[in-house]
């Protein structure tokens, strides 16, 4: 069990829109040879 964030927009739309979340990080890397991005994702609709 987890908590996810869902982004949704009705299928009747024909114009463009972007919906999401953002986090400011502002962290300097001390080791340039190591950087890894990971996530669990799920998609159910698109147009």
ModelCIF file with pLDDT and N, C-alpha, C, O atoms, coordinates in Angstrom:
data_MODEL
#
_entry.id   MODEL 
#
_entity.id                         1 
_entity.type                       polymer 
_entity.pdbx_number_of_molecules   1 
#
_entity_poly.entity_id                      1 
_entity_poly.type                           'polypeptide(L)' 
_entity_poly.nstd_linkage                   no 
_entity_poly.nstd_monomer                   no 
_entity_poly.pdbx_seq_one_letter_code       
;(UNK)(UNK)(UNK)(UNK)(UNK)(UNK)(UNK)(UNK)(UNK)(UNK)(UNK)(UNK)(UNK)(UNK)(UNK)(UNK)
(UNK)(UNK)(UNK)(UNK)(UNK)(UNK)(UNK)(UNK)(UNK)(UNK)(UNK)(UNK)(UNK)(UNK)(UNK)(UNK)
(UNK)(UNK)(UNK)(UNK)(UNK)(UNK)(UNK)(UNK)(UNK)(UNK)(UNK)(UNK)(UNK)(UNK)(UNK)
;
_entity_poly.pdbx_seq_one_letter_code_can   XXXXXXXXXXXXXXXXXXXXXXXXXXXXXXXXXXXXXXXXXXXXXXX 
_entity_poly.pdbx_strand_id                 A 
#
loop_
_entity_poly_seq.entity_id 
_entity_poly_seq.num 
_entity_poly_seq.mon_id 
_entity_poly_seq.hetero 
1 1  UNK n 
1 2  UNK n 
1 3  UNK n 
1 4  UNK n 
1 5  UNK n 
1 6  UNK n 
1 7  UNK n 
1 8  UNK n 
1 9  UNK n 
1 10 UNK n 
1 11 UNK n 
1 12 UNK n 
1 13 UNK n 
1 14 UNK n 
1 15 UNK n 
1 16 UNK n 
1 17 UNK n 
1 18 UNK n 
1 19 UNK n 
1 20 UNK n 
1 21 UNK n 
1 22 UNK n 
1 23 UNK n 
1 24 UNK n 
1 25 UNK n 
1 26 UNK n 
1 27 UNK n 
1 28 UNK n 
1 29 UNK n 
1 30 UNK n 
1 31 UNK n 
1 32 UNK n 
1 33 UNK n 
1 34 UNK n 
1 35 UNK n 
1 36 UNK n 
1 37 UNK n 
1 38 UNK n 
1 39 UNK n 
1 40 UNK n 
1 41 UNK n 
1 42 UNK n 
1 43 UNK n 
1 44 UNK n 
1 45 UNK n 
1 46 UNK n 
1 47 UNK n 
#
_struct_asym.id          A 
_struct_asym.entity_id   1 
#
loop_
_ma_qa_metric.id 
_ma_qa_metric.mode 
_ma_qa_metric.name 
_ma_qa_metric.software_group_id 
_ma_qa_metric.type 
1 global pLDDT . pLDDT 
2 local  pLDDT . pLDDT 
#
_ma_qa_metric_global.metric_id      1 
_ma_qa_metric_global.metric_value   92.45 
_ma_qa_metric_global.model_id       1 
_ma_qa_metric_global.ordinal_id     1 
#
loop_
_ma_qa_metric_local.label_asym_id 
_ma_qa_metric_local.label_comp_id 
_ma_qa_metric_local.label_seq_id 
_ma_qa_metric_local.metric_id 
_ma_qa_metric_local.metric_value 
_ma_qa_metric_local.model_id 
_ma_qa_metric_local.ordinal_id 
A UNK 1  2 97.00 1 1  
A UNK 2  2 98.00 1 2  
A UNK 3  2 98.00 1 3  
A UNK 4  2 98.00 1 4  
A UNK 5  2 98.00 1 5  
A UNK 6  2 98.00 1 6  
A UNK 7  2 98.00 1 7  
A UNK 8  2 97.00 1 8  
A UNK 9  2 95.00 1 9  
A UNK 10 2 91.00 1 10 
A UNK 11 2 83.00 1 11 
A UNK 12 2 81.00 1 12 
A UNK 13 2 83.00 1 13 
A UNK 14 2 84.00 1 14 
A UNK 15 2 90.00 1 15 
A UNK 16 2 91.00 1 16 
A UNK 17 2 94.00 1 17 
A UNK 18 2 96.00 1 18 
A UNK 19 2 97.00 1 19 
A UNK 20 2 98.00 1 20 
A UNK 21 2 98.00 1 21 
A UNK 22 2 98.00 1 22 
A UNK 23 2 97.00 1 23 
A UNK 24 2 95.00 1 24 
A UNK 25 2 94.00 1 25 
A UNK 26 2 92.00 1 26 
A UNK 27 2 91.00 1 27 
A UNK 28 2 90.00 1 28 
A UNK 29 2 89.00 1 29 
A UNK 30 2 82.00 1 30 
A UNK 31 2 74.00 1 31 
A UNK 32 2 68.00 1 32 
A UNK 33 2 69.00 1 33 
A UNK 34 2 83.00 1 34 
A UNK 35 2 93.00 1 35 
A UNK 36 2 95.00 1 36 
A UNK 37 2 97.00 1 37 
A UNK 38 2 98.00 1 38 
A UNK 39 2 98.00 1 39 
A UNK 40 2 98.00 1 40 
A UNK 41 2 98.00 1 41 
A UNK 42 2 98.00 1 42 
A UNK 43 2 98.00 1 43 
A UNK 44 2 98.00 1 44 
A UNK 45 2 97.00 1 45 
A UNK 46 2 96.00 1 46 
A UNK 47 2 96.00 1 47 
#
loop_
_atom_site.group_PDB 
_atom_site.id 
_atom_site.type_symbol 
_atom_site.label_atom_id 
_atom_site.label_alt_id 
_atom_site.label_comp_id 
_atom_site.label_asym_id 
_atom_site.label_entity_id 
_atom_site.label_seq_id 
_atom_site.pdbx_PDB_ins_code 
_atom_site.Cartn_x 
_atom_site.Cartn_y 
_atom_site.Cartn_z 
_atom_site.occupancy 
_atom_site.B_iso_or_equiv 
_atom_site.pdbx_formal_charge 
_atom_site.auth_seq_id 
_atom_site.auth_comp_id 
_atom_site.auth_asym_id 
_atom_site.auth_atom_id 
_atom_site.pdbx_PDB_model_num 
ATOM 1   N N  . UNK A 1 1  ? 0.833   -1.202 0.000   1.00 97.00 ? 1  UNK A N  1 
ATOM 2   C CA . UNK A 1 1  ? 0.000   0.000  0.000   1.00 97.00 ? 1  UNK A CA 1 
ATOM 3   C C  . UNK A 1 1  ? 0.866   1.250  0.000   1.00 97.00 ? 1  UNK A C  1 
ATOM 4   O O  . UNK A 1 1  ? 1.834   1.352  0.753   1.00 97.00 ? 1  UNK A O  1 
ATOM 5   N N  . UNK A 1 2  ? 0.501   2.205  -0.861  1.00 98.00 ? 2  UNK A N  1 
ATOM 6   C CA . UNK A 1 2  ? 1.220   3.459  -0.981  1.00 98.00 ? 2  UNK A CA 1 
ATOM 7   C C  . UNK A 1 2  ? 0.233   4.590  -1.221  1.00 98.00 ? 2  UNK A C  1 
ATOM 8   O O  . UNK A 1 2  ? -0.970  4.368  -1.363  1.00 98.00 ? 2  UNK A O  1 
ATOM 9   N N  . UNK A 1 3  ? 0.758   5.790  -1.264  1.00 98.00 ? 3  UNK A N  1 
ATOM 10  C CA . UNK A 1 3  ? -0.011  6.967  -1.673  1.00 98.00 ? 3  UNK A CA 1 
ATOM 11  C C  . UNK A 1 3  ? 0.627   7.500  -2.939  1.00 98.00 ? 3  UNK A C  1 
ATOM 12  O O  . UNK A 1 3  ? 1.839   7.713  -2.988  1.00 98.00 ? 3  UNK A O  1 
ATOM 13  N N  . UNK A 1 4  ? -0.190  7.719  -3.970  1.00 98.00 ? 4  UNK A N  1 
ATOM 14  C CA . UNK A 1 4  ? 0.306   8.242  -5.244  1.00 98.00 ? 4  UNK A CA 1 
ATOM 15  C C  . UNK A 1 4  ? -0.341  9.586  -5.520  1.00 98.00 ? 4  UNK A C  1 
ATOM 16  O O  . UNK A 1 4  ? -1.359  9.940  -4.925  1.00 98.00 ? 4  UNK A O  1 
ATOM 17  N N  . UNK A 1 5  ? 0.273   10.333 -6.441  1.00 98.00 ? 5  UNK A N  1 
ATOM 18  C CA . UNK A 1 5  ? -0.324  11.560 -6.954  1.00 98.00 ? 5  UNK A CA 1 
ATOM 19  C C  . UNK A 1 5  ? -0.839  11.275 -8.352  1.00 98.00 ? 5  UNK A C  1 
ATOM 20  O O  . UNK A 1 5  ? -0.123  10.731 -9.193  1.00 98.00 ? 5  UNK A O  1 
ATOM 21  N N  . UNK A 1 6  ? -2.086  11.647 -8.592  1.00 98.00 ? 6  UNK A N  1 
ATOM 22  C CA . UNK A 1 6  ? -2.725  11.399 -9.885  1.00 98.00 ? 6  UNK A CA 1 
ATOM 23  C C  . UNK A 1 6  ? -2.926  12.708 -10.631 1.00 98.00 ? 6  UNK A C  1 
ATOM 24  O O  . UNK A 1 6  ? -3.372  13.704 -10.060 1.00 98.00 ? 6  UNK A O  1 
ATOM 25  N N  . UNK A 1 7  ? -2.583  12.690 -11.940 1.00 98.00 ? 7  UNK A N  1 
ATOM 26  C CA . UNK A 1 7  ? -2.824  13.813 -12.833 1.00 98.00 ? 7  UNK A CA 1 
ATOM 27  C C  . UNK A 1 7  ? -3.895  13.359 -13.828 1.00 98.00 ? 7  UNK A C  1 
ATOM 28  O O  . UNK A 1 7  ? -3.741  12.322 -14.472 1.00 98.00 ? 7  UNK A O  1 
ATOM 29  N N  . UNK A 1 8  ? -4.980  14.131 -13.955 1.00 97.00 ? 8  UNK A N  1 
ATOM 30  C CA . UNK A 1 8  ? -6.061  13.713 -14.841 1.00 97.00 ? 8  UNK A CA 1 
ATOM 31  C C  . UNK A 1 8  ? -6.699  14.923 -15.516 1.00 97.00 ? 8  UNK A C  1 
ATOM 32  O O  . UNK A 1 8  ? -6.730  16.029 -14.977 1.00 97.00 ? 8  UNK A O  1 
ATOM 33  N N  . UNK A 1 9  ? -7.204  14.662 -16.716 1.00 95.00 ? 9  UNK A N  1 
ATOM 34  C CA . UNK A 1 9  ? -7.940  15.677 -17.488 1.00 95.00 ? 9  UNK A CA 1 
ATOM 35  C C  . UNK A 1 9  ? -8.938  14.929 -18.371 1.00 95.00 ? 9  UNK A C  1 
ATOM 36  O O  . UNK A 1 9  ? -8.611  13.899 -18.959 1.00 95.00 ? 9  UNK A O  1 
ATOM 37  N N  . UNK A 1 10 ? -10.168 15.466 -18.457 1.00 91.00 ? 10 UNK A N  1 
ATOM 38  C CA . UNK A 1 10 ? -11.250 14.778 -19.162 1.00 91.00 ? 10 UNK A CA 1 
ATOM 39  C C  . UNK A 1 10 ? -10.918 14.529 -20.628 1.00 91.00 ? 10 UNK A C  1 
ATOM 40  O O  . UNK A 1 10 ? -10.190 15.295 -21.260 1.00 91.00 ? 10 UNK A O  1 
ATOM 41  N N  . UNK A 1 11 ? -11.475 13.430 -21.152 1.00 83.00 ? 11 UNK A N  1 
ATOM 42  C CA . UNK A 1 11 ? -11.184 13.023 -22.521 1.00 83.00 ? 11 UNK A CA 1 
ATOM 43  C C  . UNK A 1 11 ? -11.836 13.902 -23.572 1.00 83.00 ? 11 UNK A C  1 
ATOM 44  O O  . UNK A 1 11 ? -11.463 13.826 -24.743 1.00 83.00 ? 11 UNK A O  1 
ATOM 45  N N  . UNK A 1 12 ? -12.800 14.737 -23.191 1.00 81.00 ? 12 UNK A N  1 
ATOM 46  C CA . UNK A 1 12 ? -13.470 15.579 -24.175 1.00 81.00 ? 12 UNK A CA 1 
ATOM 47  C C  . UNK A 1 12 ? -12.662 16.782 -24.618 1.00 81.00 ? 12 UNK A C  1 
ATOM 48  O O  . UNK A 1 12 ? -13.073 17.484 -25.542 1.00 81.00 ? 12 UNK A O  1 
ATOM 49  N N  . UNK A 1 13 ? -11.519 17.045 -23.985 1.00 83.00 ? 13 UNK A N  1 
ATOM 50  C CA . UNK A 1 13 ? -10.720 18.218 -24.328 1.00 83.00 ? 13 UNK A CA 1 
ATOM 51  C C  . UNK A 1 13 ? -9.887  17.960 -25.584 1.00 83.00 ? 13 UNK A C  1 
ATOM 52  O O  . UNK A 1 13 ? -9.377  16.859 -25.793 1.00 83.00 ? 13 UNK A O  1 
ATOM 53  N N  . UNK A 1 14 ? -9.760  19.000 -26.415 1.00 84.00 ? 14 UNK A N  1 
ATOM 54  C CA . UNK A 1 14 ? -8.945  18.908 -27.632 1.00 84.00 ? 14 UNK A CA 1 
ATOM 55  C C  . UNK A 1 14 ? -7.829  19.936 -27.643 1.00 84.00 ? 14 UNK A C  1 
ATOM 56  O O  . UNK A 1 14 ? -7.098  20.027 -28.629 1.00 84.00 ? 14 UNK A O  1 
ATOM 57  N N  . UNK A 1 15 ? -7.672  20.716 -26.575 1.00 90.00 ? 15 UNK A N  1 
ATOM 58  C CA . UNK A 1 15 ? -6.596  21.698 -26.472 1.00 90.00 ? 15 UNK A CA 1 
ATOM 59  C C  . UNK A 1 15 ? -5.491  21.148 -25.567 1.00 90.00 ? 15 UNK A C  1 
ATOM 60  O O  . UNK A 1 15 ? -5.677  20.151 -24.869 1.00 90.00 ? 15 UNK A O  1 
ATOM 61  N N  . UNK A 1 16 ? -4.346  21.819 -25.596 1.00 91.00 ? 16 UNK A N  1 
ATOM 62  C CA . UNK A 1 16 ? -3.180  21.354 -24.832 1.00 91.00 ? 16 UNK A CA 1 
ATOM 63  C C  . UNK A 1 16 ? -3.233  21.861 -23.396 1.00 91.00 ? 16 UNK A C  1 
ATOM 64  O O  . UNK A 1 16 ? -3.673  22.982 -23.139 1.00 91.00 ? 16 UNK A O  1 
ATOM 65  N N  . UNK A 1 17 ? -2.780  21.021 -22.459 1.00 94.00 ? 17 UNK A N  1 
ATOM 66  C CA . UNK A 1 17 ? -2.637  21.428 -21.055 1.00 94.00 ? 17 UNK A CA 1 
ATOM 67  C C  . UNK A 1 17 ? -1.607  20.533 -20.383 1.00 94.00 ? 17 UNK A C  1 
ATOM 68  O O  . UNK A 1 17 ? -1.530  19.336 -20.661 1.00 94.00 ? 17 UNK A O  1 
ATOM 69  N N  . UNK A 1 18 ? -0.825  21.120 -19.506 1.00 96.00 ? 18 UNK A N  1 
ATOM 70  C CA . UNK A 1 18 ? 0.143   20.372 -18.705 1.00 96.00 ? 18 UNK A CA 1 
ATOM 71  C C  . UNK A 1 18 ? -0.249  20.463 -17.242 1.00 96.00 ? 18 UNK A C  1 
ATOM 72  O O  . UNK A 1 18 ? -0.561  21.546 -16.748 1.00 96.00 ? 18 UNK A O  1 
ATOM 73  N N  . UNK A 1 19 ? -0.235  19.343 -16.552 1.00 97.00 ? 19 UNK A N  1 
ATOM 74  C CA . UNK A 1 19 ? -0.649  19.260 -15.153 1.00 97.00 ? 19 UNK A CA 1 
ATOM 75  C C  . UNK A 1 19 ? 0.362   18.417 -14.388 1.00 97.00 ? 19 UNK A C  1 
ATOM 76  O O  . UNK A 1 19 ? 0.697   17.310 -14.810 1.00 97.00 ? 19 UNK A O  1 
ATOM 77  N N  . UNK A 1 20 ? 0.848   18.935 -13.271 1.00 98.00 ? 20 UNK A N  1 
ATOM 78  C CA . UNK A 1 20 ? 1.814   18.142 -12.523 1.00 98.00 ? 20 UNK A CA 1 
ATOM 79  C C  . UNK A 1 20 ? 2.206   18.774 -11.204 1.00 98.00 ? 20 UNK A C  1 
ATOM 80  O O  . UNK A 1 20 ? 1.508   19.640 -10.678 1.00 98.00 ? 20 UNK A O  1 
ATOM 81  N N  . UNK A 1 21 ? 3.334   18.327 -10.679 1.00 98.00 ? 21 UNK A N  1 
ATOM 82  C CA . UNK A 1 21 ? 3.888   18.847 -9.431  1.00 98.00 ? 21 UNK A CA 1 
ATOM 83  C C  . UNK A 1 21 ? 5.377   19.086 -9.623  1.00 98.00 ? 21 UNK A C  1 
ATOM 84  O O  . UNK A 1 21 ? 6.017   18.431 -10.445 1.00 98.00 ? 21 UNK A O  1 
ATOM 85  N N  . UNK A 1 22 ? 5.927   20.022 -8.865  1.00 98.00 ? 22 UNK A N  1 
ATOM 86  C CA . UNK A 1 22 ? 7.335   20.372 -8.997  1.00 98.00 ? 22 UNK A CA 1 
ATOM 87  C C  . UNK A 1 22 ? 7.941   20.570 -7.612  1.00 98.00 ? 22 UNK A C  1 
ATOM 88  O O  . UNK A 1 22 ? 7.281   21.049 -6.690  1.00 98.00 ? 22 UNK A O  1 
ATOM 89  N N  . UNK A 1 23 ? 9.205   20.194 -7.487  1.00 97.00 ? 23 UNK A N  1 
ATOM 90  C CA . UNK A 1 23 ? 9.942   20.421 -6.240  1.00 97.00 ? 23 UNK A CA 1 
ATOM 91  C C  . UNK A 1 23 ? 11.267  21.101 -6.546  1.00 97.00 ? 23 UNK A C  1 
ATOM 92  O O  . UNK A 1 23 ? 12.040  20.632 -7.381  1.00 97.00 ? 23 UNK A O  1 
ATOM 93  N N  . UNK A 1 24 ? 11.519  22.213 -5.860  1.00 95.00 ? 24 UNK A N  1 
ATOM 94  C CA . UNK A 1 24 ? 12.811  22.882 -5.951  1.00 95.00 ? 24 UNK A CA 1 
ATOM 95  C C  . UNK A 1 24 ? 13.825  22.109 -5.106  1.00 95.00 ? 24 UNK A C  1 
ATOM 96  O O  . UNK A 1 24 ? 13.554  21.781 -3.951  1.00 95.00 ? 24 UNK A O  1 
ATOM 97  N N  . UNK A 1 25 ? 14.988  21.821 -5.684  1.00 94.00 ? 25 UNK A N  1 
ATOM 98  C CA . UNK A 1 25 ? 15.988  21.005 -4.994  1.00 94.00 ? 25 UNK A CA 1 
ATOM 99  C C  . UNK A 1 25 ? 17.206  21.826 -4.616  1.00 94.00 ? 25 UNK A C  1 
ATOM 100 O O  . UNK A 1 25 ? 17.530  21.933 -3.434  1.00 94.00 ? 25 UNK A O  1 
ATOM 101 N N  . UNK A 1 26 ? 17.889  22.407 -5.592  1.00 92.00 ? 26 UNK A N  1 
ATOM 102 C CA . UNK A 1 26 ? 19.019  23.285 -5.302  1.00 92.00 ? 26 UNK A CA 1 
ATOM 103 C C  . UNK A 1 26 ? 20.159  22.611 -4.568  1.00 92.00 ? 26 UNK A C  1 
ATOM 104 O O  . UNK A 1 26 ? 20.706  23.183 -3.625  1.00 92.00 ? 26 UNK A O  1 
ATOM 105 N N  . UNK A 1 27 ? 20.532  21.401 -4.981  1.00 91.00 ? 27 UNK A N  1 
ATOM 106 C CA . UNK A 1 27 ? 21.593  20.647 -4.310  1.00 91.00 ? 27 UNK A CA 1 
ATOM 107 C C  . UNK A 1 27 ? 22.784  20.500 -5.248  1.00 91.00 ? 27 UNK A C  1 
ATOM 108 O O  . UNK A 1 27 ? 22.627  20.102 -6.402  1.00 91.00 ? 27 UNK A O  1 
ATOM 109 N N  . UNK A 1 28 ? 23.974  20.822 -4.751  1.00 90.00 ? 28 UNK A N  1 
ATOM 110 C CA . UNK A 1 28 ? 25.200  20.656 -5.520  1.00 90.00 ? 28 UNK A CA 1 
ATOM 111 C C  . UNK A 1 28 ? 25.698  19.224 -5.397  1.00 90.00 ? 28 UNK A C  1 
ATOM 112 O O  . UNK A 1 28 ? 25.774  18.680 -4.295  1.00 90.00 ? 28 UNK A O  1 
ATOM 113 N N  . UNK A 1 29 ? 26.035  18.616 -6.528  1.00 89.00 ? 29 UNK A N  1 
ATOM 114 C CA . UNK A 1 29 ? 26.533  17.240 -6.513  1.00 89.00 ? 29 UNK A CA 1 
ATOM 115 C C  . UNK A 1 29 ? 27.983  17.217 -6.064  1.00 89.00 ? 29 UNK A C  1 
ATOM 116 O O  . UNK A 1 29 ? 28.805  17.984 -6.565  1.00 89.00 ? 29 UNK A O  1 
ATOM 117 N N  . UNK A 1 30 ? 28.294  16.348 -5.128  1.00 82.00 ? 30 UNK A N  1 
ATOM 118 C CA . UNK A 1 30 ? 29.669  16.209 -4.650  1.00 82.00 ? 30 UNK A CA 1 
ATOM 119 C C  . UNK A 1 30 ? 30.409  15.138 -5.443  1.00 82.00 ? 30 UNK A C  1 
ATOM 120 O O  . UNK A 1 30 ? 31.638  15.150 -5.508  1.00 82.00 ? 30 UNK A O  1 
ATOM 121 N N  . UNK A 1 31 ? 29.660  14.203 -6.052  1.00 74.00 ? 31 UNK A N  1 
ATOM 122 C CA . UNK A 1 31 ? 30.250  13.121 -6.836  1.00 74.00 ? 31 UNK A CA 1 
ATOM 123 C C  . UNK A 1 31 ? 29.553  13.111 -8.195  1.00 74.00 ? 31 UNK A C  1 
ATOM 124 O O  . UNK A 1 31 ? 28.381  12.747 -8.289  1.00 74.00 ? 31 UNK A O  1 
ATOM 125 N N  . UNK A 1 32 ? 30.262  13.505 -9.236  1.00 68.00 ? 32 UNK A N  1 
ATOM 126 C CA . UNK A 1 32 ? 29.636  13.631 -10.547 1.00 68.00 ? 32 UNK A CA 1 
ATOM 127 C C  . UNK A 1 32 ? 29.373  12.288 -11.208 1.00 68.00 ? 32 UNK A C  1 
ATOM 128 O O  . UNK A 1 32 ? 28.634  12.222 -12.190 1.00 68.00 ? 32 UNK A O  1 
ATOM 129 N N  . UNK A 1 33 ? 29.961  11.222 -10.693 1.00 69.00 ? 33 UNK A N  1 
ATOM 130 C CA . UNK A 1 33 ? 29.802  9.913  -11.313 1.00 69.00 ? 33 UNK A CA 1 
ATOM 131 C C  . UNK A 1 33 ? 28.634  9.128  -10.731 1.00 69.00 ? 33 UNK A C  1 
ATOM 132 O O  . UNK A 1 33 ? 28.555  7.916  -10.928 1.00 69.00 ? 33 UNK A O  1 
ATOM 133 N N  . UNK A 1 34 ? 27.728  9.787  -10.021 1.00 83.00 ? 34 UNK A N  1 
ATOM 134 C CA . UNK A 1 34 ? 26.629  9.061  -9.399  1.00 83.00 ? 34 UNK A CA 1 
ATOM 135 C C  . UNK A 1 34 ? 25.388  9.942  -9.363  1.00 83.00 ? 34 UNK A C  1 
ATOM 136 O O  . UNK A 1 34 ? 25.364  10.958 -8.668  1.00 83.00 ? 34 UNK A O  1 
ATOM 137 N N  . UNK A 1 35 ? 24.360  9.555  -10.110 1.00 93.00 ? 35 UNK A N  1 
ATOM 138 C CA . UNK A 1 35 ? 23.077  10.252 -10.084 1.00 93.00 ? 35 UNK A CA 1 
ATOM 139 C C  . UNK A 1 35 ? 22.018  9.295  -10.607 1.00 93.00 ? 35 UNK A C  1 
ATOM 140 O O  . UNK A 1 35 ? 22.110  8.822  -11.740 1.00 93.00 ? 35 UNK A O  1 
ATOM 141 N N  . UNK A 1 36 ? 21.011  9.009  -9.787  1.00 95.00 ? 36 UNK A N  1 
ATOM 142 C CA . UNK A 1 36 ? 20.000  8.016  -10.156 1.00 95.00 ? 36 UNK A CA 1 
ATOM 143 C C  . UNK A 1 36 ? 18.611  8.553  -9.818  1.00 95.00 ? 36 UNK A C  1 
ATOM 144 O O  . UNK A 1 36 ? 18.350  9.002  -8.702  1.00 95.00 ? 36 UNK A O  1 
ATOM 145 N N  . UNK A 1 37 ? 17.725  8.493  -10.820 1.00 97.00 ? 37 UNK A N  1 
ATOM 146 C CA . UNK A 1 37 ? 16.332  8.911  -10.677 1.00 97.00 ? 37 UNK A CA 1 
ATOM 147 C C  . UNK A 1 37 ? 15.441  7.690  -10.773 1.00 97.00 ? 37 UNK A C  1 
ATOM 148 O O  . UNK A 1 37 ? 15.594  6.890  -11.696 1.00 97.00 ? 37 UNK A O  1 
ATOM 149 N N  . UNK A 1 38 ? 14.507  7.528  -9.834  1.00 98.00 ? 38 UNK A N  1 
ATOM 150 C CA . UNK A 1 38 ? 13.634  6.356  -9.809  1.00 98.00 ? 38 UNK A CA 1 
ATOM 151 C C  . UNK A 1 38 ? 12.214  6.777  -9.463  1.00 98.00 ? 38 UNK A C  1 
ATOM 152 O O  . UNK A 1 38 ? 11.994  7.792  -8.802  1.00 98.00 ? 38 UNK A O  1 
ATOM 153 N N  . UNK A 1 39 ? 11.248  5.974  -9.925  1.00 98.00 ? 39 UNK A N  1 
ATOM 154 C CA . UNK A 1 39 ? 9.840   6.239  -9.629  1.00 98.00 ? 39 UNK A CA 1 
ATOM 155 C C  . UNK A 1 39 ? 9.016   5.011  -9.954  1.00 98.00 ? 39 UNK A C  1 
ATOM 156 O O  . UNK A 1 39 ? 9.428   4.167  -10.749 1.00 98.00 ? 39 UNK A O  1 
ATOM 157 N N  . UNK A 1 40 ? 7.844   4.914  -9.332  1.00 98.00 ? 40 UNK A N  1 
ATOM 158 C CA . UNK A 1 40 ? 6.823   3.942  -9.718  1.00 98.00 ? 40 UNK A CA 1 
ATOM 159 C C  . UNK A 1 40 ? 5.734   4.710  -10.458 1.00 98.00 ? 40 UNK A C  1 
ATOM 160 O O  . UNK A 1 40 ? 5.210   5.697  -9.943  1.00 98.00 ? 40 UNK A O  1 
ATOM 161 N N  . UNK A 1 41 ? 5.387   4.254  -11.678 1.00 98.00 ? 41 UNK A N  1 
ATOM 162 C CA . UNK A 1 41 ? 4.465   5.006  -12.526 1.00 98.00 ? 41 UNK A CA 1 
ATOM 163 C C  . UNK A 1 41 ? 3.330   4.108  -13.024 1.00 98.00 ? 41 UNK A C  1 
ATOM 164 O O  . UNK A 1 41 ? 3.447   2.883  -13.052 1.00 98.00 ? 41 UNK A O  1 
ATOM 165 N N  . UNK A 1 42 ? 2.210   4.768  -13.421 1.00 98.00 ? 42 UNK A N  1 
ATOM 166 C CA . UNK A 1 42 ? 1.006   4.073  -13.890 1.00 98.00 ? 42 UNK A CA 1 
ATOM 167 C C  . UNK A 1 42 ? 0.265   5.021  -14.810 1.00 98.00 ? 42 UNK A C  1 
ATOM 168 O O  . UNK A 1 42 ? 0.070   6.188  -14.471 1.00 98.00 ? 42 UNK A O  1 
ATOM 169 N N  . UNK A 1 43 ? -0.149  4.538  -15.965 1.00 98.00 ? 43 UNK A N  1 
ATOM 170 C CA . UNK A 1 43 ? -0.881  5.362  -16.933 1.00 98.00 ? 43 UNK A CA 1 
ATOM 171 C C  . UNK A 1 43 ? -2.111  4.586  -17.393 1.00 98.00 ? 43 UNK A C  1 
ATOM 172 O O  . UNK A 1 43 ? -2.029  3.391  -17.674 1.00 98.00 ? 43 UNK A O  1 
ATOM 173 N N  . UNK A 1 44 ? -3.264  5.281  -17.469 1.00 98.00 ? 44 UNK A N  1 
ATOM 174 C CA . UNK A 1 44 ? -4.502  4.616  -17.856 1.00 98.00 ? 44 UNK A CA 1 
ATOM 175 C C  . UNK A 1 44 ? -5.204  5.299  -19.032 1.00 98.00 ? 44 UNK A C  1 
ATOM 176 O O  . UNK A 1 44 ? -6.105  4.713  -19.632 1.00 98.00 ? 44 UNK A O  1 
ATOM 177 N N  . UNK A 1 45 ? -4.803  6.534  -19.371 1.00 97.00 ? 45 UNK A N  1 
ATOM 178 C CA . UNK A 1 45 ? -5.467  7.226  -20.471 1.00 97.00 ? 45 UNK A CA 1 
ATOM 179 C C  . UNK A 1 45 ? -4.525  8.258  -21.062 1.00 97.00 ? 45 UNK A C  1 
ATOM 180 O O  . UNK A 1 45 ? -3.688  8.825  -20.361 1.00 97.00 ? 45 UNK A O  1 
ATOM 181 N N  . UNK A 1 46 ? -4.671  8.501  -22.380 1.00 96.00 ? 46 UNK A N  1 
ATOM 182 C CA . UNK A 1 46 ? -3.873  9.538  -23.014 1.00 96.00 ? 46 UNK A CA 1 
ATOM 183 C C  . UNK A 1 46 ? -4.480  9.968  -24.340 1.00 96.00 ? 46 UNK A C  1 
ATOM 184 O O  . UNK A 1 46 ? -5.099  9.164  -25.039 1.00 96.00 ? 46 UNK A O  1 
ATOM 185 N N  . UNK A 1 47 ? -4.303  11.227 -24.680 1.00 96.00 ? 47 UNK A N  1 
ATOM 186 C CA . UNK A 1 47 ? -4.636  11.788 -25.978 1.00 96.00 ? 47 UNK A CA 1 
ATOM 187 C C  . UNK A 1 47 ? -3.838  13.077 -26.125 1.00 96.00 ? 47 UNK A C  1 
ATOM 188 O O  . UNK A 1 47 ? -3.941  13.753 -27.148 1.00 96.00 ? 47 UNK A O  1 
#
